[in-house]
Protein backbone atom coordinates (compact mmCIF):
# COMPACT_ATOMS: atom_id res chain seq x y z
CA MET A 1 13.61 7.43 -4.82
CA ARG A 2 10.63 9.31 -4.60
CA ARG A 3 8.32 9.04 -1.61
CA VAL A 4 4.80 7.60 -1.70
CA ILE A 5 3.31 6.28 1.62
CA LEU A 6 2.49 4.53 2.02
CA THR A 7 5.86 5.67 0.23
CA LEU A 8 9.57 6.95 0.25
CA LEU A 9 12.88 8.24 -0.47
CA GLY A 10 16.30 6.87 -0.26
CA LEU A 11 19.93 6.69 -0.59
CA THR A 12 22.13 3.81 0.95
CA MET A 13 24.72 3.11 3.60
CA VAL A 14 27.55 0.86 4.40
CA PHE A 15 28.78 -0.03 7.75
CA SER A 16 32.56 0.32 8.70
CA SER A 17 34.33 0.48 12.01
CA CYS A 18 31.10 0.98 13.83
CA GLN A 19 30.09 3.85 11.77
CA TRP A 20 27.06 4.46 9.28
CA VAL A 21 28.62 5.63 5.90
CA PRO A 22 26.57 6.88 3.08
CA GLU A 23 26.73 5.49 -0.42
CA SER A 24 25.06 6.11 -3.59
CA TRP A 25 21.53 4.56 -3.88
CA TRP A 26 22.24 2.59 -7.06
CA MET A 27 25.21 1.04 -5.42
CA SER A 28 22.74 -0.56 -2.84
CA GLY A 29 22.61 -4.37 -2.33
CA ASP A 30 18.76 -4.22 -2.22
CA ALA A 31 17.87 -6.44 -5.22
CA ASN A 32 15.19 -8.81 -5.87
CA GLU A 33 16.23 -12.32 -4.50
CA GLY A 34 13.85 -14.26 -6.41
CA GLU A 35 10.21 -15.00 -5.56
CA LYS A 36 10.78 -14.46 -1.77
CA ILE A 37 9.60 -11.90 0.90
CA PHE A 38 12.99 -11.32 2.58
CA ARG A 39 12.26 -11.45 6.38
CA TYR A 40 13.97 -8.16 7.31
CA ASP A 41 12.01 -7.87 10.31
CA ARG A 42 13.94 -11.30 11.72
CA LEU A 43 17.21 -9.67 10.69
CA VAL A 44 16.53 -6.58 12.70
CA ASP A 45 15.15 -8.78 15.59
CA GLU A 46 18.62 -10.70 15.56
CA PHE A 47 20.53 -7.46 15.90
CA VAL A 48 18.28 -6.16 18.74
CA SER A 49 17.99 -9.13 20.84
CA LEU A 50 21.45 -10.38 20.39
CA ASN A 51 23.33 -7.04 19.93
CA SER A 52 24.60 -8.85 16.98
CA PHE A 53 27.38 -7.22 15.14
CA THR A 54 26.96 -9.48 12.10
CA SER A 55 23.39 -9.02 11.99
CA LEU A 56 24.07 -5.23 11.89
CA GLN A 57 26.78 -5.71 9.07
CA ARG A 58 24.23 -7.61 6.97
CA MET A 59 21.57 -4.78 7.59
CA ASN A 60 24.29 -2.19 6.12
CA THR A 61 26.00 -4.09 3.46
CA GLU A 62 23.35 -6.25 2.05
CA TYR A 63 20.05 -4.38 2.85
CA PRO A 64 21.16 -0.72 3.02
CA ALA A 65 18.11 0.85 1.37
CA SER A 66 15.62 -1.17 3.73
CA THR A 67 17.81 -0.03 6.78
CA ARG A 68 18.00 3.66 5.99
CA LEU A 69 14.32 3.73 5.26
CA LEU A 70 13.64 1.98 8.65
CA ILE A 71 15.80 4.50 10.52
CA GLU A 72 15.11 7.73 8.73
CA GLU A 73 11.77 7.25 7.24
CA VAL A 74 9.76 4.94 9.19
CA LEU A 75 10.88 5.25 12.76
CA ALA A 76 12.32 8.79 12.24
CA ILE A 77 14.99 8.37 14.94
CA GLY A 78 17.75 10.10 13.05
CA THR A 79 19.95 9.90 10.10
CA VAL A 80 22.34 6.98 9.18
CA GLN A 81 25.34 9.28 9.37
CA GLU A 82 24.93 10.06 12.98
CA PRO A 83 27.42 8.38 15.48
CA ARG A 84 25.74 5.43 17.39
CA VAL A 85 22.56 5.63 15.72
CA GLU A 86 22.51 1.69 15.77
CA GLN A 87 22.22 1.86 19.55
CA ARG A 88 19.18 4.19 19.29
CA LEU A 89 17.67 1.55 16.88
CA ARG A 90 18.18 -1.20 19.48
CA GLU A 91 16.78 0.94 22.10
CA TYR A 92 13.82 1.73 20.24
CA PHE A 93 12.72 -2.01 19.78
CA LEU A 94 14.04 -2.87 23.31
CA ASP A 95 11.10 -0.89 24.72
CA SER A 96 8.57 -2.86 26.50
CA THR A 97 5.59 -2.38 24.25
CA MET A 98 7.77 -2.93 21.16
CA GLN A 99 8.97 -6.18 22.73
CA VAL A 100 5.41 -7.14 23.02
CA VAL A 101 4.87 -6.22 19.34
CA LEU A 102 7.89 -8.13 18.21
CA GLU A 103 6.94 -11.44 20.08
CA ASP A 104 3.22 -11.08 18.70
CA VAL A 105 4.31 -10.39 15.07
CA HIS A 106 6.68 -13.48 15.19
CA HIS A 107 3.81 -15.58 16.47
CA GLU A 108 1.29 -14.49 14.02
CA TYR A 109 3.75 -14.48 10.89
CA ARG A 110 5.74 -17.64 11.50
CA ASP A 111 5.86 -17.80 7.75
CA LEU A 112 4.64 -15.92 4.67
CA ARG A 113 4.33 -18.62 2.09
CA ALA A 114 0.84 -17.85 1.24
CA GLU A 115 1.35 -14.21 0.81
CA GLU A 116 4.52 -14.80 -1.03
CA THR A 117 2.87 -16.95 -3.48
CA GLU A 118 0.21 -14.55 -4.28
CA ILE A 119 2.06 -11.34 -4.56
CA PHE A 120 4.54 -12.94 -6.81
CA SER A 121 2.01 -14.74 -8.90
CA VAL A 122 0.39 -11.23 -9.62
CA PHE A 123 3.92 -9.61 -10.37
CA ARG A 124 4.61 -12.37 -12.98
CA GLN A 125 1.38 -11.89 -14.79
CA LEU A 126 1.94 -8.14 -14.64
CA LYS A 127 5.37 -8.72 -16.14
CA GLU A 128 3.76 -10.75 -19.05
CA GLU A 129 1.13 -7.95 -19.62
CA ASP A 130 3.60 -5.17 -19.71
CA PRO A 131 7.44 -6.32 -20.19
CA ALA A 132 8.61 -2.98 -18.68
CA PHE A 133 7.09 -3.65 -15.21
CA ARG A 134 9.71 -4.08 -12.67
CA ILE A 135 9.22 -6.90 -9.99
CA PRO A 136 10.47 -5.27 -6.77
CA PHE A 137 12.57 -6.46 -4.07
CA VAL A 138 9.93 -7.48 -1.33
CA TYR A 139 10.75 -7.37 2.27
CA SER A 140 8.91 -7.54 5.55
CA GLN A 141 9.44 -5.21 8.63
CA ILE A 142 8.32 -3.96 11.82
CA SER A 143 7.51 -0.46 11.79
CA GLY A 144 6.59 0.59 15.30
CA LEU A 145 2.95 0.91 14.21
CA ASN A 146 3.91 3.59 11.47
CA GLN A 147 3.64 2.98 7.82
CA SER A 148 1.91 -0.05 6.42
CA ILE A 149 3.35 -0.16 3.08
CA LEU A 150 6.58 1.36 1.78
CA VAL A 151 7.17 1.88 -2.06
CA GLY A 152 9.99 3.01 -3.94
CA ASP A 153 11.92 2.16 -7.18
CA SER A 154 11.80 -1.72 -7.32
CA LEU A 155 11.40 -1.79 -3.55
CA LEU A 156 8.40 -3.00 -1.56
CA GLY A 157 8.30 -3.10 2.15
CA ILE A 158 5.51 -4.64 4.14
CA SER A 159 4.97 -3.69 7.97
CA LEU A 160 3.73 -6.78 9.44
CA ASP A 161 2.62 -4.96 12.75
CA LYS A 162 0.20 -3.20 10.74
CA TYR A 163 -1.81 -6.10 9.84
CA MET A 164 -2.39 -8.09 13.12
CA GLY A 165 -6.16 -8.11 13.00
CA LYS A 166 -8.70 -5.49 14.02
CA ASP A 167 -9.10 -6.93 17.59
CA TYR A 168 -5.34 -6.85 18.32
CA SER A 169 -5.12 -5.37 21.92
CA LEU A 170 -2.60 -2.58 21.24
CA TYR A 171 -4.65 -1.33 18.19
CA GLN A 172 -7.36 -0.52 20.75
CA ARG A 173 -5.29 2.19 22.15
CA TYR A 174 -4.25 3.79 19.24
CA TYR A 175 -6.82 3.22 16.23
CA HIS A 176 -10.38 4.12 15.48
CA ASP A 177 -12.81 1.23 14.72
CA TYR A 178 -12.83 2.18 10.87
CA GLN A 179 -8.89 2.15 10.87
CA ARG A 180 -8.79 -1.12 12.40
CA GLU A 181 -11.00 -2.63 9.90
CA VAL A 182 -8.30 -2.46 7.30
CA MET A 183 -5.69 -3.85 9.59
CA GLU A 184 -6.41 -7.54 8.93
CA ARG A 185 -3.85 -10.06 7.53
CA SER A 186 -6.28 -10.48 4.46
CA ARG A 187 -5.57 -6.85 3.65
CA LEU A 188 -1.69 -7.36 3.38
CA VAL A 189 -1.58 -8.84 -0.18
CA PRO A 190 -4.16 -6.23 -1.92
CA ASP A 191 -2.47 -3.24 -0.05
CA ALA A 192 0.99 -4.18 -1.08
CA LEU A 193 -0.05 -4.89 -4.63
CA PHE A 194 -2.31 -1.46 -4.66
CA TYR A 195 0.34 0.67 -3.56
CA TYR A 196 3.23 -0.88 -5.60
CA LEU A 197 1.00 -0.47 -8.68
CA SER A 198 0.06 3.21 -7.58
CA HIS A 199 3.84 3.94 -7.58
CA GLU A 200 4.92 2.41 -10.93
CA TYR A 201 1.71 3.69 -12.75
CA PRO A 202 1.27 7.15 -11.31
CA LEU A 203 -1.11 9.77 -12.58
CA PRO A 204 0.60 12.14 -15.03
CA LYS A 205 2.69 14.99 -13.35
CA GLY A 206 2.00 18.76 -13.97
CA GLU A 207 -1.62 18.26 -14.35
CA VAL A 208 -4.51 18.97 -12.04
CA HIS A 209 -6.34 15.77 -11.26
CA THR A 210 -9.97 15.59 -10.19
CA LEU A 211 -12.25 13.34 -7.76
CA LEU A 212 -13.30 11.38 -11.20
CA ASP A 213 -9.45 10.75 -11.98
CA TYR A 214 -8.84 9.46 -8.50
CA ILE A 215 -11.85 7.18 -8.20
CA ALA A 216 -11.55 5.70 -11.60
CA ARG A 217 -7.83 5.05 -11.09
CA PHE A 218 -8.22 3.55 -7.75
CA GLY A 219 -11.11 1.58 -9.28
CA LYS A 220 -9.05 0.60 -12.30
CA LEU A 221 -5.95 -0.65 -10.29
CA HIS A 222 -8.27 -2.65 -7.99
CA TRP A 223 -10.02 -4.19 -10.88
CA ILE A 224 -6.83 -5.10 -12.26
CA ILE A 225 -5.67 -6.72 -8.97
CA ALA A 226 -8.91 -8.41 -8.31
CA ARG A 227 -8.76 -9.98 -12.12
CA LEU A 228 -5.06 -11.15 -11.59
CA ARG A 229 -5.82 -12.64 -8.18
CA ASN A 230 -9.10 -14.30 -9.45
CA VAL A 231 -11.12 -12.76 -6.69
CA SER A 232 -14.36 -10.77 -6.68
CA LEU A 233 -14.00 -6.91 -6.52
CA GLU A 234 -15.71 -6.87 -3.08
CA HIS A 235 -13.01 -9.26 -1.71
CA GLU A 236 -10.12 -7.21 -3.43
CA VAL A 237 -11.04 -4.21 -1.57
CA GLY A 238 -12.43 -5.99 1.78
CA PHE A 239 -15.99 -4.93 1.59
CA ASP A 240 -18.60 -7.16 3.51
CA ALA A 241 -21.98 -7.85 2.23
CA HIS A 242 -23.71 -5.08 4.47
CA ARG A 243 -21.54 -2.36 2.83
CA VAL A 244 -22.07 -3.84 -0.70
CA GLN A 245 -25.65 -3.96 -0.10
CA TRP A 246 -25.82 -0.18 0.79
CA PHE A 247 -23.67 0.67 -2.13
CA ARG A 248 -25.89 -1.13 -4.72
CA GLU A 249 -28.97 0.38 -3.10
CA HIS A 250 -27.66 3.93 -2.94
CA GLU A 251 -25.25 3.97 -5.93
CA ALA A 252 -27.44 5.86 -8.25
CA ALA A 253 -28.51 8.48 -5.76
CA VAL A 254 -24.84 9.11 -4.77
CA TRP A 255 -23.84 9.42 -8.42
CA GLU A 256 -26.69 11.96 -9.03
CA TRP A 257 -25.41 13.86 -5.95
CA LEU A 258 -21.88 13.99 -7.10
CA ASN A 259 -22.83 15.19 -10.59
CA ALA A 260 -25.28 17.68 -9.07
CA GLN A 261 -22.67 19.07 -6.89
CA GLY A 262 -19.98 19.16 -9.49
CA ALA A 263 -17.90 17.03 -7.27
CA LEU A 264 -16.50 14.92 -9.95
CA THR A 265 -14.54 17.81 -11.46
CA SER A 266 -13.28 18.92 -8.08
CA ALA A 267 -9.68 18.84 -7.51
CA ASP A 268 -10.06 19.49 -3.77
CA MET A 269 -8.12 17.11 -1.72
CA THR A 270 -10.39 16.96 1.20
CA MET A 271 -13.21 16.01 -1.10
CA ILE A 272 -11.14 13.29 -2.58
CA ARG A 273 -9.94 11.85 0.77
CA LEU A 274 -13.57 11.88 1.69
CA PHE A 275 -14.86 9.53 -0.92
CA ILE A 276 -11.81 7.15 -1.01
CA PHE A 277 -10.01 6.59 2.32
CA PRO A 278 -11.38 4.90 5.56
CA ARG A 279 -13.36 7.24 7.80
CA ASP A 280 -16.49 6.94 9.95
CA THR A 281 -18.98 7.87 7.33
CA ILE A 282 -19.30 10.46 4.57
CA PRO A 283 -21.84 13.04 6.33
CA CYS A 284 -22.30 15.09 3.02
CA ILE A 285 -24.19 12.01 1.84
CA GLY A 286 -25.72 10.75 4.98
CA GLU A 287 -24.66 9.73 8.38
CA ASP A 288 -25.43 6.01 7.36
CA CYS A 289 -23.22 6.24 4.16
CA PRO A 290 -20.13 3.81 4.59
CA ASP A 291 -16.82 4.88 3.83
CA ARG A 292 -15.01 4.45 0.44
CA ILE A 293 -17.73 4.46 -1.55
CA GLY A 294 -15.51 6.14 -4.15
CA LEU A 295 -13.83 2.92 -4.60
CA TRP A 296 -17.02 1.17 -5.16
CA LEU A 297 -17.97 3.75 -8.05
CA GLY A 298 -14.53 3.48 -9.53
CA MET A 299 -14.70 -0.17 -9.74
CA GLN A 300 -18.22 -0.13 -11.46
CA ILE A 301 -16.87 2.43 -13.99
CA MET A 302 -13.96 0.14 -14.76
CA GLU A 303 -16.18 -3.02 -14.84
CA HIS A 304 -18.44 -1.27 -17.55
CA TYR A 305 -15.57 -0.12 -19.42
CA MET A 306 -13.88 -3.61 -19.73
CA LYS A 307 -17.25 -5.10 -20.61
CA ARG A 308 -17.33 -2.86 -23.55
CA HIS A 309 -13.82 -3.18 -24.26
CA PRO A 310 -12.81 -6.77 -23.95
CA GLU A 311 -10.10 -6.48 -26.37
CA THR A 312 -8.08 -3.94 -24.12
CA THR A 313 -5.12 -5.58 -22.46
CA ILE A 314 -4.19 -4.93 -18.88
CA GLY A 315 -1.03 -3.69 -20.00
CA GLU A 316 -2.89 -1.17 -22.00
CA LEU A 317 -5.29 -0.31 -19.24
CA LEU A 318 -2.34 0.18 -16.74
CA ARG A 319 -1.21 2.96 -19.03
CA GLU A 320 -4.38 4.71 -19.80
CA ASN A 321 -4.69 7.89 -17.91
CA ASP A 322 -7.77 9.63 -19.65
CA TYR A 323 -10.33 8.90 -17.03
CA GLU A 324 -12.85 11.25 -18.66
CA LYS A 325 -12.66 9.16 -21.78
CA ILE A 326 -12.93 5.87 -19.76
CA LEU A 327 -16.15 6.97 -18.14
CA ARG A 328 -17.59 8.38 -21.39
CA GLU A 329 -16.81 5.04 -23.08
CA SER A 330 -17.86 2.86 -20.24
CA GLY A 331 -21.62 3.75 -20.52
CA TYR A 332 -21.77 3.94 -16.72
CA ARG A 333 -24.56 6.24 -16.11
CA GLN A 334 -26.20 6.19 -12.56
CA THR A 335 -27.90 9.52 -12.80
CA ALA A 336 -31.55 9.76 -12.69
CA ASN A 337 -32.65 11.28 -15.73
């Protein structure tokens, strides 16, 4: 499997005689178990709290991909081939801080039925739009406050401990305010959907991709998810009224600045991250500019494009990667001429 981040890589293992033995990835037991989010976090908790051999066997024989990813990619506590790595896993979660996290997660997420229903509703619609779309095996885990979403070939892992709410006490120690803003339970579904779609419909390899490519692609995926969830674009990306008002008032000026600076054709990842990902502000625009304005611009481009091309199906839109064409045919012009 390929890594994504929120992303990954993997190969599987089986448990035998208290040893972790590697097995080919395609032999793994991780397969879609119907429209359910498998509570892998509870299986791990059973192993940790009870030192349960049965739970450990299930982790290896039924969910080997998830187990390897947890050990090697998420927690980074060793490799599955190492002797007694299972005890290292227990020790990690028996740490006093992690015990608090485990208890708090299990209290907050007694069930995931609401999230489950929404995620699989979107997956069913995507399958109708694109028969080649692969509905993944979806599972929940506790990541030790590491990665939020893990994505691989037909695999989607959701770290519940990264969605405990911006006021969660442990977050105060480790995260900035702007980071905590996106750690609400309400962000779990849109994040899971966005990162899985990003993995399934990537930008073409072997090409140089610009800021325009990224903002239009991110805007496209969020536009599609909002449409399938039947929510507003603002709700889909978690923008509050104050942020939306600022974007609307300054959208034309920001677009003009991007054009004047030639930023839209820049492939500088620093510039791309500046306009898309959470941060304090965007100082080159102004100290009062909220972060992620690139998402807003991308969604406006897609809104304009789809209004002009109502015949375009979601399946067709997912496969369209010519973002210069999308911008040109959208009629989106916020420059002050």
